[in-house]
Amino acid sequence: MERLFDEELNKLKEKLLRMAGIVEESVALSIEGLKDQKEELAREVIHREESVNLLDVEIDETCLRLLALRQPMAGDLRLITSAMKIGVDLERMGDLAVNIAQRTLELLKAPLLKPLIDIPRMAKLAQAMLKDAIQAFIDRNDALASEICKRDDAVDALENQIFRELLTYMIEDPASIWRAVGLLLVSRYLERIADHATNIAENVIYMVKGRMIKHNIDKIRSAG
């Protein structure tokens, strides 16, 4: 019975890995499609959304079945509840990749406002955060998870930099506003993807240590 439970947990991890891989690739394709002005890549990202949603449902169903039938305790319970939350974060990241693809299709109606430098940098940082957060989950590596949480500041800094640069374009040339806004939205979506990767890392810390760090809850409780 114990071996069967372990096999079910391993299958759950495999589904999360598969879902994370699709999402990570979708983010990469969405930015590549924008940078290289390739409509087919944007449409491929949109097409992949169904696969992400199906895996999200499968992960939920697996977690609920394990909770109901196995009645896990302590570490196993934290692993399953964390997996459910991670599935939610991955599904939202997949939605954000689709949002980027949709903005790309709109922006393809005109030449790019400027060469893209910081947006691809943001995407690489967010992708690395996602990849490492999932690895931290698989390895139960709370040290890696803690380090991932700190990387979010670099993504936020790039988003602010992009905003300032695009604001200058909009002020100097009002005709560029719609293209600048499209790029601003892309940077915002990437910032949210990094936030979701941070959420996954925080859930890993909870799974391993049983300690909740979300919203700086320790400081809030001590202050109260």
C-alpha atoms as a PDB file:
ATOM      1  CA  MET A   1       0.000   0.000   0.000  1.00  0.00           C
ATOM      2  CA  GLU A   2       2.847   2.371   0.892  1.00  0.00           C
ATOM      3  CA  ARG A   3       4.623   1.604  -2.394  1.00  0.00           C
ATOM      4  CA  LEU A   4       1.401   2.305  -4.334  1.00  0.00           C
ATOM      5  CA  PHE A   5       1.050   5.674  -2.574  1.00  0.00           C
ATOM      6  CA  ASP A   6       4.647   6.569  -3.471  1.00  0.00           C
ATOM      7  CA  GLU A   7       3.962   5.645  -7.105  1.00  0.00           C
ATOM      8  CA  GLU A   8       0.926   7.921  -7.127  1.00  0.00           C
ATOM      9  CA  LEU A   9       2.978  10.779  -5.696  1.00  0.00           C
ATOM     10  CA  ASN A  10       5.629  10.228  -8.372  1.00  0.00           C
ATOM     11  CA  LYS A  11       2.954  10.341 -11.087  1.00  0.00           C
ATOM     12  CA  LEU A  12       1.701  13.601  -9.607  1.00  0.00           C
ATOM     13  CA  LYS A  13       5.206  15.063  -9.779  1.00  0.00           C
ATOM     14  CA  GLU A  14       5.547  13.891 -13.380  1.00  0.00           C
ATOM     15  CA  LYS A  15       2.353  15.710 -14.350  1.00  0.00           C
ATOM     16  CA  LEU A  16       3.592  18.891 -12.708  1.00  0.00           C
ATOM     17  CA  LEU A  17       6.902  18.564 -14.559  1.00  0.00           C
ATOM     18  CA  ARG A  18       5.090  18.059 -17.870  1.00  0.00           C
ATOM     19  CA  MET A  19       2.832  21.052 -17.247  1.00  0.00           C
ATOM     20  CA  ALA A  20       5.764  23.249 -16.216  1.00  0.00           C
ATOM     21  CA  GLY A  21       7.669  22.232 -19.348  1.00  0.00           C
ATOM     22  CA  ILE A  22       4.789  23.257 -21.610  1.00  0.00           C
ATOM     23  CA  VAL A  23       4.380  26.566 -19.791  1.00  0.00           C
ATOM     24  CA  GLU A  24       8.096  27.359 -19.873  1.00  0.00           C
ATOM     25  CA  GLU A  25       8.218  26.609 -23.601  1.00  0.00           C
ATOM     26  CA  SER A  26       5.087  28.699 -24.202  1.00  0.00           C
ATOM     27  CA  VAL A  27       6.675  31.709 -22.524  1.00  0.00           C
ATOM     28  CA  ALA A  28       9.799  31.279 -24.656  1.00  0.00           C
ATOM     29  CA  LEU A  29       7.775  30.929 -27.878  1.00  0.00           C
ATOM     30  CA  SER A  30       5.587  33.919 -27.068  1.00  0.00           C
ATOM     31  CA  ILE A  31       8.612  36.187 -26.643  1.00  0.00           C
ATOM     32  CA  GLU A  32      10.374  34.716 -29.672  1.00  0.00           C
ATOM     33  CA  GLY A  33       7.247  35.347 -31.737  1.00  0.00           C
ATOM     34  CA  LEU A  34       7.165  38.971 -30.574  1.00  0.00           C
ATOM     35  CA  LYS A  35      10.878  39.589 -31.023  1.00  0.00           C
ATOM     36  CA  ASP A  36      11.124  37.953 -34.438  1.00  0.00           C
ATOM     37  CA  GLN A  37       7.642  39.049 -35.573  1.00  0.00           C
ATOM     38  CA  LYS A  38       6.466  35.484 -36.245  1.00  0.00           C
ATOM     39  CA  GLU A  39       2.709  35.024 -36.232  1.00  0.00           C
ATOM     40  CA  GLU A  40       2.944  31.226 -36.341  1.00  0.00           C
ATOM     41  CA  LEU A  41       4.767  31.125 -32.982  1.00  0.00           C
ATOM     42  CA  ALA A  42       2.134  33.297 -31.327  1.00  0.00           C
ATOM     43  CA  ARG A  43      -0.612  31.038 -32.647  1.00  0.00           C
ATOM     44  CA  GLU A  44       1.266  27.942 -31.451  1.00  0.00           C
ATOM     45  CA  VAL A  45       1.272  29.354 -27.899  1.00  0.00           C
ATOM     46  CA  ILE A  46      -2.474  29.964 -28.063  1.00  0.00           C
ATOM     47  CA  HIS A  47      -2.979  26.418 -29.370  1.00  0.00           C
ATOM     48  CA  ARG A  48      -1.079  24.971 -26.387  1.00  0.00           C
ATOM     49  CA  GLU A  49      -3.433  26.514 -23.832  1.00  0.00           C
ATOM     50  CA  GLU A  50      -5.772  23.526 -23.955  1.00  0.00           C
ATOM     51  CA  SER A  51      -2.962  21.130 -22.997  1.00  0.00           C
ATOM     52  CA  VAL A  52      -2.089  23.259 -19.973  1.00  0.00           C
ATOM     53  CA  ASN A  53      -5.728  23.425 -18.875  1.00  0.00           C
ATOM     54  CA  LEU A  54      -6.167  19.659 -19.199  1.00  0.00           C
ATOM     55  CA  LEU A  55      -3.103  19.003 -17.047  1.00  0.00           C
ATOM     56  CA  ASP A  56      -4.351  21.525 -14.484  1.00  0.00           C
ATOM     57  CA  VAL A  57      -7.602  19.548 -14.166  1.00  0.00           C
ATOM     58  CA  GLU A  58      -5.759  16.223 -13.996  1.00  0.00           C
ATOM     59  CA  ILE A  59      -3.479  17.491 -11.229  1.00  0.00           C
ATOM     60  CA  ASP A  60      -6.448  18.775  -9.238  1.00  0.00           C
ATOM     61  CA  GLU A  61      -8.262  15.466  -9.619  1.00  0.00           C
ATOM     62  CA  THR A  62      -5.179  13.495  -8.605  1.00  0.00           C
ATOM     63  CA  CYS A  63      -4.600  15.637  -5.517  1.00  0.00           C
ATOM     64  CA  LEU A  64      -8.234  15.437  -4.415  1.00  0.00           C
ATOM     65  CA  ARG A  65      -8.259  11.664  -4.880  1.00  0.00           C
ATOM     66  CA  LEU A  66      -5.074  11.266  -2.832  1.00  0.00           C
ATOM     67  CA  LEU A  67      -6.457  13.464  -0.074  1.00  0.00           C
ATOM     68  CA  ALA A  68      -9.744  11.576   0.060  1.00  0.00           C
ATOM     69  CA  LEU A  69      -8.491   8.012  -0.261  1.00  0.00           C
ATOM     70  CA  ARG A  70      -5.045   8.117   1.359  1.00  0.00           C
ATOM     71  CA  GLN A  71      -5.655  10.669   4.115  1.00  0.00           C
ATOM     72  CA  PRO A  72      -1.969  11.713   4.079  1.00  0.00           C
ATOM     73  CA  MET A  73      -0.291  13.216   7.127  1.00  0.00           C
ATOM     74  CA  ALA A  74       2.455  15.790   7.770  1.00  0.00           C
ATOM     75  CA  GLY A  75       4.964  15.994   4.909  1.00  0.00           C
ATOM     76  CA  ASP A  76       2.852  14.058   2.397  1.00  0.00           C
ATOM     77  CA  LEU A  77      -0.139  16.275   3.128  1.00  0.00           C
ATOM     78  CA  ARG A  78       1.959  19.404   2.575  1.00  0.00           C
ATOM     79  CA  LEU A  79       3.332  17.940  -0.674  1.00  0.00           C
ATOM     80  CA  ILE A  80      -0.148  17.291  -2.088  1.00  0.00           C
ATOM     81  CA  THR A  81      -1.624  20.640  -1.059  1.00  0.00           C
ATOM     82  CA  SER A  82       1.473  22.398  -2.422  1.00  0.00           C
ATOM     83  CA  ALA A  83       1.095  20.513  -5.711  1.00  0.00           C
ATOM     84  CA  MET A  84      -2.478  21.790  -6.015  1.00  0.00           C
ATOM     85  CA  LYS A  85      -1.334  25.370  -5.503  1.00  0.00           C
ATOM     86  CA  ILE A  86       1.565  24.956  -7.912  1.00  0.00           C
ATOM     87  CA  GLY A  87      -0.852  23.674 -10.539  1.00  0.00           C
ATOM     88  CA  VAL A  88      -2.886  26.861 -10.157  1.00  0.00           C
ATOM     89  CA  ASP A  89       0.229  29.021 -10.561  1.00  0.00           C
ATOM     90  CA  LEU A  90       1.309  27.089 -13.650  1.00  0.00           C
ATOM     91  CA  GLU A  91      -2.130  27.435 -15.229  1.00  0.00           C
ATOM     92  CA  ARG A  92      -2.050  31.197 -14.682  1.00  0.00           C
ATOM     93  CA  MET A  93       1.448  31.401 -16.146  1.00  0.00           C
ATOM     94  CA  GLY A  94       0.150  29.569 -19.193  1.00  0.00           C
ATOM     95  CA  ASP A  95      -2.639  32.144 -19.473  1.00  0.00           C
ATOM     96  CA  LEU A  96      -0.076  34.946 -19.295  1.00  0.00           C
ATOM     97  CA  ALA A  97       1.961  33.361 -22.100  1.00  0.00           C
ATOM     98  CA  VAL A  98      -1.247  33.336 -24.165  1.00  0.00           C
ATOM     99  CA  ASN A  99      -1.779  37.000 -23.290  1.00  0.00           C
ATOM    100  CA  ILE A 100       1.703  37.787 -24.625  1.00  0.00           C
ATOM    101  CA  ALA A 101       0.903  35.872 -27.821  1.00  0.00           C
ATOM    102  CA  GLN A 102      -2.327  37.824 -28.243  1.00  0.00           C
ATOM    103  CA  ARG A 103      -0.497  41.140 -27.812  1.00  0.00           C
ATOM    104  CA  THR A 104       2.023  39.907 -30.381  1.00  0.00           C
ATOM    105  CA  LEU A 105      -0.729  39.345 -32.933  1.00  0.00           C
ATOM    106  CA  GLU A 106      -1.904  42.915 -32.381  1.00  0.00           C
ATOM    107  CA  LEU A 107       1.600  44.361 -32.579  1.00  0.00           C
ATOM    108  CA  LEU A 108       2.291  42.509 -35.830  1.00  0.00           C
ATOM    109  CA  LYS A 109       0.008  45.024 -37.566  1.00  0.00           C
ATOM    110  CA  ALA A 110       2.894  47.527 -37.558  1.00  0.00           C
ATOM    111  CA  PRO A 111       6.708  47.466 -37.274  1.00  0.00           C
ATOM    112  CA  LEU A 112       8.054  47.042 -33.749  1.00  0.00           C
ATOM    113  CA  LEU A 113       8.424  50.329 -31.925  1.00  0.00           C
ATOM    114  CA  LYS A 114      12.028  49.513 -30.967  1.00  0.00           C
ATOM    115  CA  PRO A 115      14.457  46.592 -30.868  1.00  0.00           C
ATOM    116  CA  LEU A 116      13.588  44.387 -27.915  1.00  0.00           C
ATOM    117  CA  ILE A 117      16.358  44.014 -25.355  1.00  0.00           C
ATOM    118  CA  ASP A 118      14.951  44.183 -21.829  1.00  0.00           C
ATOM    119  CA  ILE A 119      11.752  42.235 -22.540  1.00  0.00           C
ATOM    120  CA  PRO A 120      13.695  39.122 -23.685  1.00  0.00           C
ATOM    121  CA  ARG A 121      15.930  39.563 -20.618  1.00  0.00           C
ATOM    122  CA  MET A 122      12.854  39.622 -18.392  1.00  0.00           C
ATOM    123  CA  ALA A 123      11.552  36.505 -20.112  1.00  0.00           C
ATOM    124  CA  LYS A 124      14.809  34.603 -19.547  1.00  0.00           C
ATOM    125  CA  LEU A 125      14.833  35.545 -15.869  1.00  0.00           C
ATOM    126  CA  ALA A 126      11.202  34.482 -15.437  1.00  0.00           C
ATOM    127  CA  GLN A 127      11.775  31.204 -17.307  1.00  0.00           C
ATOM    128  CA  ALA A 128      14.803  30.395 -15.149  1.00  0.00           C
ATOM    129  CA  MET A 129      12.802  31.151 -12.007  1.00  0.00           C
ATOM    130  CA  LEU A 130      10.059  28.774 -13.141  1.00  0.00           C
ATOM    131  CA  LYS A 131      12.479  26.005 -14.094  1.00  0.00           C
ATOM    132  CA  ASP A 132      14.389  26.250 -10.823  1.00  0.00           C
ATOM    133  CA  ALA A 133      11.215  26.501  -8.739  1.00  0.00           C
ATOM    134  CA  ILE A 134       9.921  23.236 -10.186  1.00  0.00           C
ATOM    135  CA  GLN A 135      13.328  21.627  -9.638  1.00  0.00           C
ATOM    136  CA  ALA A 136      13.249  22.842  -6.037  1.00  0.00           C
ATOM    137  CA  PHE A 137       9.843  21.179  -5.660  1.00  0.00           C
ATOM    138  CA  ILE A 138      11.046  17.875  -7.106  1.00  0.00           C
ATOM    139  CA  ASP A 139      14.249  17.901  -5.001  1.00  0.00           C
ATOM    140  CA  ARG A 140      12.567  19.355  -1.887  1.00  0.00           C
ATOM    141  CA  ASN A 141      15.291  22.004  -1.985  1.00  0.00           C
ATOM    142  CA  ASP A 142      14.191  24.869   0.263  1.00  0.00           C
ATOM    143  CA  ALA A 143      17.556  26.651  -0.093  1.00  0.00           C
ATOM    144  CA  LEU A 144      17.074  26.933  -3.863  1.00  0.00           C
ATOM    145  CA  ALA A 145      13.488  28.034  -3.305  1.00  0.00           C
ATOM    146  CA  SER A 146      14.624  30.832  -0.978  1.00  0.00           C
ATOM    147  CA  GLU A 147      17.164  31.997  -3.548  1.00  0.00           C
ATOM    148  CA  ILE A 148      14.476  32.093  -6.267  1.00  0.00           C
ATOM    149  CA  CYS A 149      12.324  34.421  -4.165  1.00  0.00           C
ATOM    150  CA  LYS A 150      15.164  36.963  -4.142  1.00  0.00           C
ATOM    151  CA  ARG A 151      15.408  36.993  -7.954  1.00  0.00           C
ATOM    152  CA  ASP A 152      12.001  38.634  -8.296  1.00  0.00           C
ATOM    153  CA  ASP A 153      13.548  42.035  -7.541  1.00  0.00           C
ATOM    154  CA  ALA A 154      15.629  41.879 -10.749  1.00  0.00           C
ATOM    155  CA  VAL A 155      12.489  41.277 -12.819  1.00  0.00           C
ATOM    156  CA  ASP A 156      10.704  44.169 -11.113  1.00  0.00           C
ATOM    157  CA  ALA A 157      13.661  46.449 -11.832  1.00  0.00           C
ATOM    158  CA  LEU A 158      13.560  45.579 -15.532  1.00  0.00           C
ATOM    159  CA  GLU A 159       9.829  46.222 -15.671  1.00  0.00           C
ATOM    160  CA  ASN A 160      10.367  49.698 -14.192  1.00  0.00           C
ATOM    161  CA  GLN A 161      13.162  50.369 -16.672  1.00  0.00           C
ATOM    162  CA  ILE A 162      10.944  49.345 -19.596  1.00  0.00           C
ATOM    163  CA  PHE A 163       8.137  51.565 -18.352  1.00  0.00           C
ATOM    164  CA  ARG A 164      10.385  54.616 -18.167  1.00  0.00           C
ATOM    165  CA  GLU A 165      11.789  54.017 -21.644  1.00  0.00           C
ATOM    166  CA  LEU A 166       8.407  53.454 -23.283  1.00  0.00           C
ATOM    167  CA  LEU A 167       6.924  56.451 -21.517  1.00  0.00           C
ATOM    168  CA  THR A 168       9.538  58.586 -23.278  1.00  0.00           C
ATOM    169  CA  TYR A 169       8.455  57.166 -26.651  1.00  0.00           C
ATOM    170  CA  MET A 170       4.807  57.941 -25.908  1.00  0.00           C
ATOM    171  CA  ILE A 171       5.569  61.521 -24.871  1.00  0.00           C
ATOM    172  CA  GLU A 172       7.737  62.200 -27.925  1.00  0.00           C
ATOM    173  CA  ASP A 173       5.395  60.547 -30.442  1.00  0.00           C
ATOM    174  CA  PRO A 174       1.688  60.148 -29.525  1.00  0.00           C
ATOM    175  CA  ALA A 175       1.205  57.979 -32.619  1.00  0.00           C
ATOM    176  CA  SER A 176       3.393  55.339 -30.948  1.00  0.00           C
ATOM    177  CA  ILE A 177       1.177  55.036 -27.873  1.00  0.00           C
ATOM    178  CA  TRP A 178      -0.723  51.885 -28.899  1.00  0.00           C
ATOM    179  CA  ARG A 179       2.495  50.030 -29.724  1.00  0.00           C
ATOM    180  CA  ALA A 180       4.149  51.226 -26.504  1.00  0.00           C
ATOM    181  CA  VAL A 181       1.137  50.140 -24.454  1.00  0.00           C
ATOM    182  CA  GLY A 182       1.298  46.695 -26.069  1.00  0.00           C
ATOM    183  CA  LEU A 183       4.923  46.302 -24.983  1.00  0.00           C
ATOM    184  CA  LEU A 184       4.108  47.621 -21.510  1.00  0.00           C
ATOM    185  CA  LEU A 185       1.464  44.923 -21.183  1.00  0.00           C
ATOM    186  CA  VAL A 186       3.968  42.262 -22.240  1.00  0.00           C
ATOM    187  CA  SER A 187       6.409  43.431 -19.558  1.00  0.00           C
ATOM    188  CA  ARG A 188       3.573  43.359 -17.032  1.00  0.00           C
ATOM    189  CA  TYR A 189       2.691  39.792 -18.009  1.00  0.00           C
ATOM    190  CA  LEU A 190       6.314  38.736 -17.582  1.00  0.00           C
ATOM    191  CA  GLU A 191       6.439  40.365 -14.167  1.00  0.00           C
ATOM    192  CA  ARG A 192       3.341  38.374 -13.177  1.00  0.00           C
ATOM    193  CA  ILE A 193       4.933  35.154 -14.473  1.00  0.00           C
ATOM    194  CA  ALA A 194       7.911  35.816 -12.197  1.00  0.00           C
ATOM    195  CA  ASP A 195       5.490  36.431  -9.315  1.00  0.00           C
ATOM    196  CA  HIS A 196       3.891  33.043  -9.905  1.00  0.00           C
ATOM    197  CA  ALA A 197       7.328  31.404  -9.971  1.00  0.00           C
ATOM    198  CA  THR A 198       7.955  33.075  -6.611  1.00  0.00           C
ATOM    199  CA  ASN A 199       4.660  31.653  -5.336  1.00  0.00           C
ATOM    200  CA  ILE A 200       5.833  28.176  -6.326  1.00  0.00           C
ATOM    201  CA  ALA A 201       9.122  28.713  -4.486  1.00  0.00           C
ATOM    202  CA  GLU A 202       7.236  29.864  -1.382  1.00  0.00           C
ATOM    203  CA  ASN A 203       5.098  26.722  -1.532  1.00  0.00           C
ATOM    204  CA  VAL A 204       8.258  24.605  -1.716  1.00  0.00           C
ATOM    205  CA  ILE A 205       9.506  26.221   1.494  1.00  0.00           C
ATOM    206  CA  TYR A 206       6.164  25.469   3.131  1.00  0.00           C
ATOM    207  CA  MET A 207       6.242  21.873   1.853  1.00  0.00           C
ATOM    208  CA  VAL A 208       9.765  21.229   3.168  1.00  0.00           C
ATOM    209  CA  LYS A 209       9.821  23.303   6.344  1.00  0.00           C
ATOM    210  CA  GLY A 210       6.141  23.618   7.205  1.00  0.00           C
ATOM    211  CA  ARG A 211       6.753  27.355   7.394  1.00  0.00           C
ATOM    212  CA  MET A 212       4.573  29.862   5.587  1.00  0.00           C
ATOM    213  CA  ILE A 213       6.489  32.883   4.241  1.00  0.00           C
ATOM    214  CA  LYS A 214       3.817  34.209   1.883  1.00  0.00           C
ATOM    215  CA  HIS A 215       2.913  37.886   2.476  1.00  0.00           C
ATOM    216  CA  ASN A 216       5.727  38.035   5.090  1.00  0.00           C
ATOM    217  CA  ILE A 217       3.265  36.328   7.419  1.00  0.00           C
ATOM    218  CA  ASP A 218       5.892  35.747  10.154  1.00  0.00           C
ATOM    219  CA  LYS A 219       6.438  39.515  10.508  1.00  0.00           C
ATOM    220  CA  ILE A 220       2.698  40.204  10.495  1.00  0.00           C
ATOM    221  CA  ARG A 221       2.057  37.636  13.230  1.00  0.00           C
ATOM    222  CA  SER A 222       4.933  38.837  15.381  1.00  0.00           C
ATOM    223  CA  ALA A 223       3.741  42.421  15.040  1.00  0.00           C
ATOM    224  CA  GLY A 224       0.225  41.429  16.032  1.00  0.00           C
END
